[in-house]
């Protein structure tokens, strides 16, 4: 599932630099340049792509502008396999993967919150019965932080 990105590798005049042209914009209208793994802390598609390219161990730098990806290769490496990394950026389900069982997807049991005293107000008691326990607990913790 997901859609593979169509990628065309293009030659560059500079040795050690490879350009890729994708069929979709990865950075919007801005330039993004990554020179090390620490600079990929963002949550943009460009940052994720840079993280995946750096993980191959072949890449020294990545520059993304719209649908163009320019990769500076480390000395002694070639671009083998980098096209696949870019192509699979948006593919989150691959052939051969087993779907998770329902039990794996079900949320953990709610921790029982301490009961809230509604007093003698039946409307408040009815409203509290509709609020999930974890939200009541979060609200109680927030009030406690606010008070002191």
N, C-alpha and C. Protein backbone atom coordinates (compact mmCIF):
# COMPACT_ATOMS: atom_id res chain seq x y z
N UNK A 1 0.84 -1.17 0.00
CA UNK A 1 0.00 0.00 0.00
C UNK A 1 0.89 1.23 0.00
N UNK A 2 0.28 2.33 -0.22
CA UNK A 2 1.06 3.53 -0.42
C UNK A 2 1.39 3.63 -1.89
N UNK A 3 1.98 4.69 -2.27
CA UNK A 3 2.31 4.86 -3.67
C UNK A 3 3.80 5.01 -3.84
N UNK A 4 4.38 4.18 -4.71
CA UNK A 4 5.79 4.36 -4.97
C UNK A 4 6.02 5.67 -5.74
N UNK A 5 7.12 6.30 -5.47
CA UNK A 5 7.48 7.53 -6.15
C UNK A 5 8.27 7.12 -7.40
N UNK A 6 7.89 7.65 -8.54
CA UNK A 6 8.64 7.37 -9.76
C UNK A 6 9.89 8.25 -9.74
N UNK A 7 11.05 7.61 -9.86
CA UNK A 7 12.31 8.31 -9.73
C UNK A 7 13.17 8.05 -10.97
N UNK A 8 13.77 9.12 -11.48
CA UNK A 8 14.71 9.02 -12.60
C UNK A 8 16.05 9.54 -12.13
N UNK A 9 17.09 8.71 -12.26
CA UNK A 9 18.44 9.12 -11.89
C UNK A 9 19.05 9.87 -13.06
N UNK A 10 19.62 11.04 -12.76
CA UNK A 10 20.22 11.87 -13.81
C UNK A 10 21.70 12.07 -13.50
N UNK A 11 22.48 12.08 -14.54
CA UNK A 11 23.92 12.26 -14.37
C UNK A 11 24.24 13.71 -14.00
N UNK A 12 25.36 13.88 -13.36
CA UNK A 12 25.83 15.20 -12.98
C UNK A 12 27.22 15.40 -13.57
N UNK A 13 27.60 16.64 -13.79
CA UNK A 13 28.95 16.90 -14.30
C UNK A 13 30.00 16.66 -13.23
N UNK A 14 29.63 16.86 -11.99
CA UNK A 14 30.58 16.68 -10.89
C UNK A 14 30.63 15.22 -10.47
N UNK A 15 31.80 14.63 -10.39
CA UNK A 15 31.89 13.26 -9.90
C UNK A 15 31.50 13.19 -8.43
N UNK A 16 30.81 12.15 -8.06
CA UNK A 16 30.38 11.99 -6.68
C UNK A 16 29.07 12.67 -6.36
N UNK A 17 28.42 13.27 -7.35
CA UNK A 17 27.13 13.93 -7.16
C UNK A 17 26.12 13.29 -8.11
N UNK A 18 24.99 12.90 -7.56
CA UNK A 18 23.94 12.26 -8.35
C UNK A 18 22.65 13.03 -8.14
N UNK A 19 21.89 13.24 -9.20
CA UNK A 19 20.60 13.92 -9.10
C UNK A 19 19.49 12.94 -9.39
N UNK A 20 18.39 13.12 -8.66
CA UNK A 20 17.20 12.30 -8.87
C UNK A 20 16.02 13.22 -9.09
N UNK A 21 15.19 12.88 -10.04
CA UNK A 21 13.97 13.64 -10.31
C UNK A 21 12.79 12.74 -9.99
N UNK A 22 11.93 13.20 -9.09
CA UNK A 22 10.77 12.42 -8.66
C UNK A 22 9.50 12.98 -9.31
N UNK A 23 8.43 12.20 -9.28
CA UNK A 23 7.17 12.64 -9.88
C UNK A 23 6.28 13.39 -8.90
N UNK A 24 6.81 13.76 -7.75
CA UNK A 24 6.04 14.55 -6.78
C UNK A 24 6.97 15.45 -6.00
N UNK A 25 6.43 16.52 -5.51
CA UNK A 25 7.21 17.48 -4.74
C UNK A 25 7.48 16.92 -3.35
N UNK A 26 8.71 17.03 -2.91
CA UNK A 26 9.10 16.53 -1.59
C UNK A 26 9.31 17.64 -0.58
N UNK A 27 9.61 18.86 -1.06
CA UNK A 27 9.93 19.93 -0.13
C UNK A 27 9.06 21.16 -0.30
N UNK A 28 8.06 21.10 -1.14
CA UNK A 28 7.28 22.31 -1.40
C UNK A 28 8.13 23.28 -2.19
N UNK A 29 8.07 24.56 -1.84
CA UNK A 29 8.82 25.57 -2.59
C UNK A 29 10.17 25.90 -1.95
N UNK A 30 10.53 25.21 -0.88
CA UNK A 30 11.77 25.56 -0.18
C UNK A 30 12.91 24.60 -0.47
N UNK A 31 14.13 25.11 -0.28
CA UNK A 31 15.34 24.30 -0.37
C UNK A 31 15.59 23.70 1.01
N UNK A 32 15.99 22.46 1.05
CA UNK A 32 16.41 21.83 2.30
C UNK A 32 17.72 21.13 2.05
N UNK A 33 18.71 21.41 2.88
CA UNK A 33 20.04 20.84 2.73
C UNK A 33 20.44 20.13 4.01
N UNK A 34 20.91 18.90 3.87
CA UNK A 34 21.29 18.09 5.02
C UNK A 34 22.73 17.62 4.81
N UNK A 35 23.57 17.87 5.80
CA UNK A 35 24.97 17.46 5.68
C UNK A 35 25.36 16.37 6.66
N UNK A 36 24.49 16.08 7.60
CA UNK A 36 24.76 15.02 8.57
C UNK A 36 23.44 14.54 9.14
N UNK A 37 23.47 13.40 9.78
CA UNK A 37 22.25 12.80 10.32
C UNK A 37 21.60 13.71 11.35
N UNK A 38 22.40 14.43 12.15
CA UNK A 38 21.83 15.31 13.18
C UNK A 38 20.99 16.43 12.59
N UNK A 39 21.24 16.81 11.35
CA UNK A 39 20.48 17.90 10.74
C UNK A 39 19.14 17.44 10.20
N UNK A 40 18.82 16.15 10.33
CA UNK A 40 17.57 15.61 9.79
C UNK A 40 16.52 15.44 10.87
N UNK A 41 16.50 16.32 11.85
CA UNK A 41 15.58 16.16 12.97
C UNK A 41 14.16 16.59 12.66
N UNK A 42 13.89 17.16 11.51
CA UNK A 42 12.55 17.63 11.17
C UNK A 42 11.59 16.49 10.87
N UNK A 43 10.34 16.84 10.65
CA UNK A 43 9.32 15.83 10.34
C UNK A 43 8.83 15.98 8.91
N UNK A 44 9.58 16.64 8.07
CA UNK A 44 9.20 16.83 6.68
C UNK A 44 9.57 15.60 5.87
N UNK A 45 8.94 15.42 4.71
CA UNK A 45 9.34 14.31 3.83
C UNK A 45 10.81 14.39 3.44
N UNK A 46 11.32 15.60 3.26
CA UNK A 46 12.74 15.77 2.91
C UNK A 46 13.65 15.25 4.02
N UNK A 47 13.32 15.56 5.26
CA UNK A 47 14.13 15.11 6.39
C UNK A 47 14.08 13.59 6.51
N UNK A 48 12.91 13.00 6.32
CA UNK A 48 12.80 11.54 6.38
C UNK A 48 13.60 10.90 5.26
N UNK A 49 13.52 11.46 4.07
CA UNK A 49 14.30 10.93 2.95
C UNK A 49 15.79 11.04 3.24
N UNK A 50 16.23 12.16 3.78
CA UNK A 50 17.64 12.33 4.12
C UNK A 50 18.08 11.31 5.16
N UNK A 51 17.23 11.07 6.18
CA UNK A 51 17.57 10.06 7.19
C UNK A 51 17.76 8.70 6.54
N UNK A 52 16.86 8.33 5.64
CA UNK A 52 16.96 7.03 4.98
C UNK A 52 18.18 6.95 4.07
N UNK A 53 18.51 8.04 3.40
CA UNK A 53 19.69 8.02 2.54
C UNK A 53 20.97 7.95 3.36
N UNK A 54 21.04 8.70 4.47
CA UNK A 54 22.22 8.62 5.34
C UNK A 54 22.37 7.22 5.94
N UNK A 55 21.26 6.54 6.18
CA UNK A 55 21.31 5.21 6.77
C UNK A 55 21.97 4.18 5.85
N UNK A 56 22.04 4.47 4.55
CA UNK A 56 22.70 3.54 3.63
C UNK A 56 24.21 3.53 3.82
N UNK A 57 24.75 4.58 4.42
CA UNK A 57 26.20 4.67 4.63
C UNK A 57 26.96 5.14 3.40
N UNK A 58 26.26 5.50 2.33
CA UNK A 58 26.90 5.92 1.08
C UNK A 58 26.86 7.43 0.87
N UNK A 59 26.09 8.13 1.70
CA UNK A 59 25.75 9.52 1.41
C UNK A 59 26.46 10.48 2.38
N UNK A 60 27.03 11.56 1.81
CA UNK A 60 27.67 12.59 2.62
C UNK A 60 26.79 13.82 2.77
N UNK A 61 25.87 14.05 1.82
CA UNK A 61 25.00 15.22 1.89
C UNK A 61 23.80 15.05 0.98
N UNK A 62 22.69 15.71 1.34
CA UNK A 62 21.45 15.63 0.56
C UNK A 62 20.89 17.05 0.43
N UNK A 63 20.46 17.39 -0.77
CA UNK A 63 19.79 18.67 -1.01
C UNK A 63 18.49 18.35 -1.73
N UNK A 64 17.38 18.89 -1.22
CA UNK A 64 16.07 18.64 -1.81
C UNK A 64 15.44 19.98 -2.15
N UNK A 65 14.99 20.10 -3.40
CA UNK A 65 14.23 21.26 -3.84
C UNK A 65 13.09 20.75 -4.69
N UNK A 66 11.89 20.89 -4.20
CA UNK A 66 10.67 20.42 -4.83
C UNK A 66 10.80 18.94 -5.15
N UNK A 67 10.93 18.59 -6.44
CA UNK A 67 10.99 17.18 -6.80
C UNK A 67 12.40 16.73 -7.18
N UNK A 68 13.38 17.60 -6.97
CA UNK A 68 14.77 17.26 -7.30
C UNK A 68 15.54 16.93 -6.02
N UNK A 69 16.22 15.81 -6.03
CA UNK A 69 17.05 15.38 -4.91
C UNK A 69 18.48 15.28 -5.42
N UNK A 70 19.38 16.03 -4.82
CA UNK A 70 20.79 15.99 -5.19
C UNK A 70 21.54 15.33 -4.04
N UNK A 71 22.30 14.29 -4.36
CA UNK A 71 22.99 13.51 -3.34
C UNK A 71 24.49 13.60 -3.56
N UNK A 72 25.21 14.01 -2.51
CA UNK A 72 26.67 13.97 -2.52
C UNK A 72 27.09 12.64 -1.93
N UNK A 73 27.78 11.85 -2.74
CA UNK A 73 28.19 10.52 -2.29
C UNK A 73 29.50 10.61 -1.52
N UNK A 74 29.66 9.68 -0.57
CA UNK A 74 30.94 9.58 0.13
C UNK A 74 31.98 9.07 -0.85
N UNK A 75 33.22 9.40 -0.59
CA UNK A 75 34.31 9.00 -1.48
C UNK A 75 34.38 7.48 -1.57
N UNK A 76 34.44 6.98 -2.80
CA UNK A 76 34.57 5.54 -3.02
C UNK A 76 33.24 4.80 -3.15
N UNK A 77 32.11 5.49 -3.02
CA UNK A 77 30.81 4.83 -3.12
C UNK A 77 30.12 5.24 -4.41
N UNK A 78 29.22 4.37 -4.86
CA UNK A 78 28.40 4.71 -6.02
C UNK A 78 26.95 4.82 -5.58
N UNK A 79 26.06 5.08 -6.53
CA UNK A 79 24.65 5.34 -6.20
C UNK A 79 23.77 4.11 -6.20
N UNK A 80 24.34 2.94 -6.17
CA UNK A 80 23.57 1.70 -6.19
C UNK A 80 22.61 1.64 -5.00
N UNK A 81 21.33 1.44 -5.28
CA UNK A 81 20.32 1.28 -4.24
C UNK A 81 19.66 2.57 -3.77
N UNK A 82 20.21 3.72 -4.10
CA UNK A 82 19.63 4.98 -3.63
C UNK A 82 18.30 5.28 -4.33
N UNK A 83 18.17 4.86 -5.58
CA UNK A 83 16.89 5.06 -6.29
C UNK A 83 15.77 4.34 -5.56
N UNK A 84 16.04 3.13 -5.06
CA UNK A 84 15.02 2.37 -4.33
C UNK A 84 14.60 3.07 -3.05
N UNK A 85 15.55 3.70 -2.37
CA UNK A 85 15.25 4.42 -1.13
C UNK A 85 14.26 5.56 -1.41
N UNK A 86 14.52 6.30 -2.47
CA UNK A 86 13.63 7.42 -2.81
C UNK A 86 12.28 6.91 -3.29
N UNK A 87 12.29 5.86 -4.11
CA UNK A 87 11.05 5.30 -4.66
C UNK A 87 10.13 4.79 -3.54
N UNK A 88 10.70 4.21 -2.51
CA UNK A 88 9.89 3.60 -1.44
C UNK A 88 9.56 4.56 -0.30
N UNK A 89 9.81 5.86 -0.48
CA UNK A 89 9.58 6.82 0.59
C UNK A 89 8.15 6.80 1.10
N UNK A 90 7.18 6.73 0.21
CA UNK A 90 5.77 6.77 0.63
C UNK A 90 5.12 5.38 0.65
N UNK A 91 5.88 4.33 0.45
CA UNK A 91 5.31 2.99 0.44
C UNK A 91 5.44 2.39 1.84
N UNK A 92 4.31 2.30 2.53
CA UNK A 92 4.35 1.84 3.92
C UNK A 92 3.90 0.39 4.06
N UNK A 93 3.49 -0.23 2.99
CA UNK A 93 3.09 -1.64 3.04
C UNK A 93 3.71 -2.34 1.85
N UNK A 94 4.50 -3.36 2.09
CA UNK A 94 5.22 -4.02 1.01
C UNK A 94 4.76 -5.47 0.89
N UNK A 95 4.85 -6.06 -0.30
CA UNK A 95 4.46 -7.45 -0.48
C UNK A 95 5.23 -8.36 0.46
N UNK A 96 4.53 -9.34 1.02
CA UNK A 96 5.15 -10.29 1.94
C UNK A 96 5.01 -9.91 3.40
N UNK A 97 4.56 -8.71 3.69
CA UNK A 97 4.37 -8.30 5.08
C UNK A 97 3.06 -8.91 5.59
N UNK A 98 3.08 -9.36 6.81
CA UNK A 98 1.88 -9.93 7.43
C UNK A 98 1.08 -8.83 8.10
N UNK A 99 -0.23 -8.80 7.84
CA UNK A 99 -1.04 -7.79 8.53
C UNK A 99 -1.12 -8.09 10.02
N UNK A 100 -1.16 -7.07 10.86
CA UNK A 100 -1.23 -7.31 12.30
C UNK A 100 -2.59 -7.88 12.69
N UNK A 101 -2.61 -8.66 13.73
CA UNK A 101 -3.86 -9.22 14.24
C UNK A 101 -4.62 -8.13 14.99
N UNK A 102 -5.91 -8.31 15.13
CA UNK A 102 -6.73 -7.32 15.82
C UNK A 102 -6.24 -7.09 17.24
N UNK A 103 -5.79 -8.15 17.89
CA UNK A 103 -5.32 -8.03 19.27
C UNK A 103 -4.10 -7.10 19.36
N UNK A 104 -3.28 -7.07 18.29
CA UNK A 104 -2.12 -6.18 18.28
C UNK A 104 -2.52 -4.72 18.16
N UNK A 105 -3.65 -4.46 17.50
CA UNK A 105 -4.09 -3.10 17.26
C UNK A 105 -4.99 -2.56 18.37
N UNK A 106 -5.58 -3.43 19.17
CA UNK A 106 -6.49 -3.00 20.23
C UNK A 106 -5.72 -2.22 21.29
N UNK A 107 -6.29 -1.12 21.78
CA UNK A 107 -5.59 -0.35 22.80
C UNK A 107 -5.50 -1.13 24.11
N UNK A 108 -4.51 -0.77 24.88
CA UNK A 108 -4.33 -1.42 26.18
C UNK A 108 -5.51 -1.08 27.08
N UNK A 109 -5.73 -1.92 28.05
CA UNK A 109 -6.83 -1.70 28.99
C UNK A 109 -6.65 -0.36 29.69
N UNK A 110 -7.74 0.37 29.86
CA UNK A 110 -7.68 1.65 30.55
C UNK A 110 -7.39 1.42 32.03
N UNK A 111 -6.54 2.24 32.55
CA UNK A 111 -6.26 2.20 33.98
C UNK A 111 -7.45 2.84 34.68
N UNK A 112 -7.97 2.15 35.65
CA UNK A 112 -9.14 2.68 36.35
C UNK A 112 -8.74 3.92 37.14
N UNK A 113 -9.43 5.00 36.86
CA UNK A 113 -9.16 6.24 37.57
C UNK A 113 -9.94 6.23 38.87
N UNK A 114 -9.46 7.01 39.81
CA UNK A 114 -10.18 7.12 41.07
C UNK A 114 -11.54 7.75 40.79
N UNK A 115 -12.59 7.26 41.42
CA UNK A 115 -13.91 7.81 41.14
C UNK A 115 -13.99 9.29 41.52
N UNK A 116 -14.72 10.01 40.70
CA UNK A 116 -14.92 11.44 40.95
C UNK A 116 -16.25 11.60 41.67
N UNK A 117 -16.23 12.36 42.74
CA UNK A 117 -17.44 12.56 43.51
C UNK A 117 -18.33 13.59 42.82
N UNK A 118 -19.51 13.14 42.37
CA UNK A 118 -20.45 14.03 41.70
C UNK A 118 -21.37 14.71 42.71
N UNK A 119 -21.24 14.33 43.94
CA UNK A 119 -22.11 14.92 44.95
C UNK A 119 -23.55 14.48 44.72
N UNK A 120 -24.47 15.40 44.91
CA UNK A 120 -25.90 15.08 44.75
C UNK A 120 -26.43 15.54 43.40
N UNK A 121 -25.57 16.00 42.52
CA UNK A 121 -26.00 16.52 41.22
C UNK A 121 -26.11 15.37 40.21
N UNK A 122 -27.34 14.95 39.84
CA UNK A 122 -27.49 13.84 38.89
C UNK A 122 -26.98 14.20 37.49
N UNK A 123 -27.06 15.47 37.09
CA UNK A 123 -26.58 15.86 35.77
C UNK A 123 -25.06 15.69 35.69
N UNK A 124 -24.35 16.06 36.75
CA UNK A 124 -22.91 15.90 36.78
C UNK A 124 -22.53 14.43 36.77
N UNK A 125 -23.25 13.62 37.51
CA UNK A 125 -22.98 12.19 37.54
C UNK A 125 -23.18 11.57 36.15
N UNK A 126 -24.24 11.99 35.43
CA UNK A 126 -24.49 11.47 34.08
C UNK A 126 -23.38 11.91 33.12
N UNK A 127 -22.91 13.15 33.26
CA UNK A 127 -21.85 13.64 32.39
C UNK A 127 -20.55 12.91 32.66
N UNK A 128 -20.23 12.68 33.94
CA UNK A 128 -18.99 11.98 34.28
C UNK A 128 -19.01 10.54 33.78
N UNK A 129 -20.17 9.93 33.69
CA UNK A 129 -20.26 8.56 33.21
C UNK A 129 -19.90 8.47 31.73
N UNK A 130 -20.03 9.57 30.99
CA UNK A 130 -19.74 9.59 29.56
C UNK A 130 -18.28 9.90 29.24
N UNK A 131 -17.54 10.43 30.22
CA UNK A 131 -16.15 10.81 30.00
C UNK A 131 -15.25 9.61 30.26
N UNK A 132 -14.35 9.29 29.31
CA UNK A 132 -13.43 8.17 29.52
C UNK A 132 -12.53 8.40 30.73
N UNK A 133 -12.17 7.31 31.38
CA UNK A 133 -11.39 7.38 32.62
C UNK A 133 -10.04 8.05 32.42
N UNK A 134 -9.39 7.80 31.29
CA UNK A 134 -8.05 8.38 31.09
C UNK A 134 -8.13 9.90 30.94
N UNK A 135 -9.23 10.42 30.42
CA UNK A 135 -9.37 11.86 30.32
C UNK A 135 -9.62 12.49 31.68
N UNK A 136 -10.40 11.81 32.51
CA UNK A 136 -10.62 12.31 33.86
C UNK A 136 -9.30 12.34 34.64
N UNK A 137 -8.50 11.30 34.46
CA UNK A 137 -7.22 11.23 35.17
C UNK A 137 -6.27 12.33 34.68
N UNK A 138 -6.26 12.56 33.37
CA UNK A 138 -5.41 13.62 32.82
C UNK A 138 -5.85 14.98 33.33
N UNK A 139 -7.15 15.20 33.43
CA UNK A 139 -7.68 16.45 33.94
C UNK A 139 -7.31 16.64 35.41
N UNK A 140 -7.41 15.56 36.17
CA UNK A 140 -7.08 15.62 37.59
C UNK A 140 -5.60 15.96 37.77
N UNK A 141 -4.74 15.36 36.97
CA UNK A 141 -3.31 15.62 37.06
C UNK A 141 -2.98 17.06 36.67
N UNK A 142 -3.69 17.59 35.67
CA UNK A 142 -3.46 18.97 35.25
C UNK A 142 -3.88 19.95 36.34
N UNK A 143 -5.02 19.68 36.98
CA UNK A 143 -5.45 20.56 38.07
C UNK A 143 -4.47 20.52 39.22
N UNK A 144 -3.91 19.35 39.49
CA UNK A 144 -2.95 19.22 40.58
C UNK A 144 -1.67 20.00 40.27
N UNK A 145 -1.20 19.93 39.00
CA UNK A 145 -0.01 20.70 38.61
C UNK A 145 -0.27 22.19 38.71
N UNK A 146 -1.48 22.62 38.33
CA UNK A 146 -1.81 24.03 38.34
C UNK A 146 -1.86 24.58 39.77
N UNK A 147 -2.36 23.78 40.69
CA UNK A 147 -2.48 24.24 42.08
C UNK A 147 -1.14 24.31 42.80
N UNK A 148 -0.21 23.53 42.36
CA UNK A 148 1.03 23.64 43.11
C UNK A 148 1.98 22.59 42.83
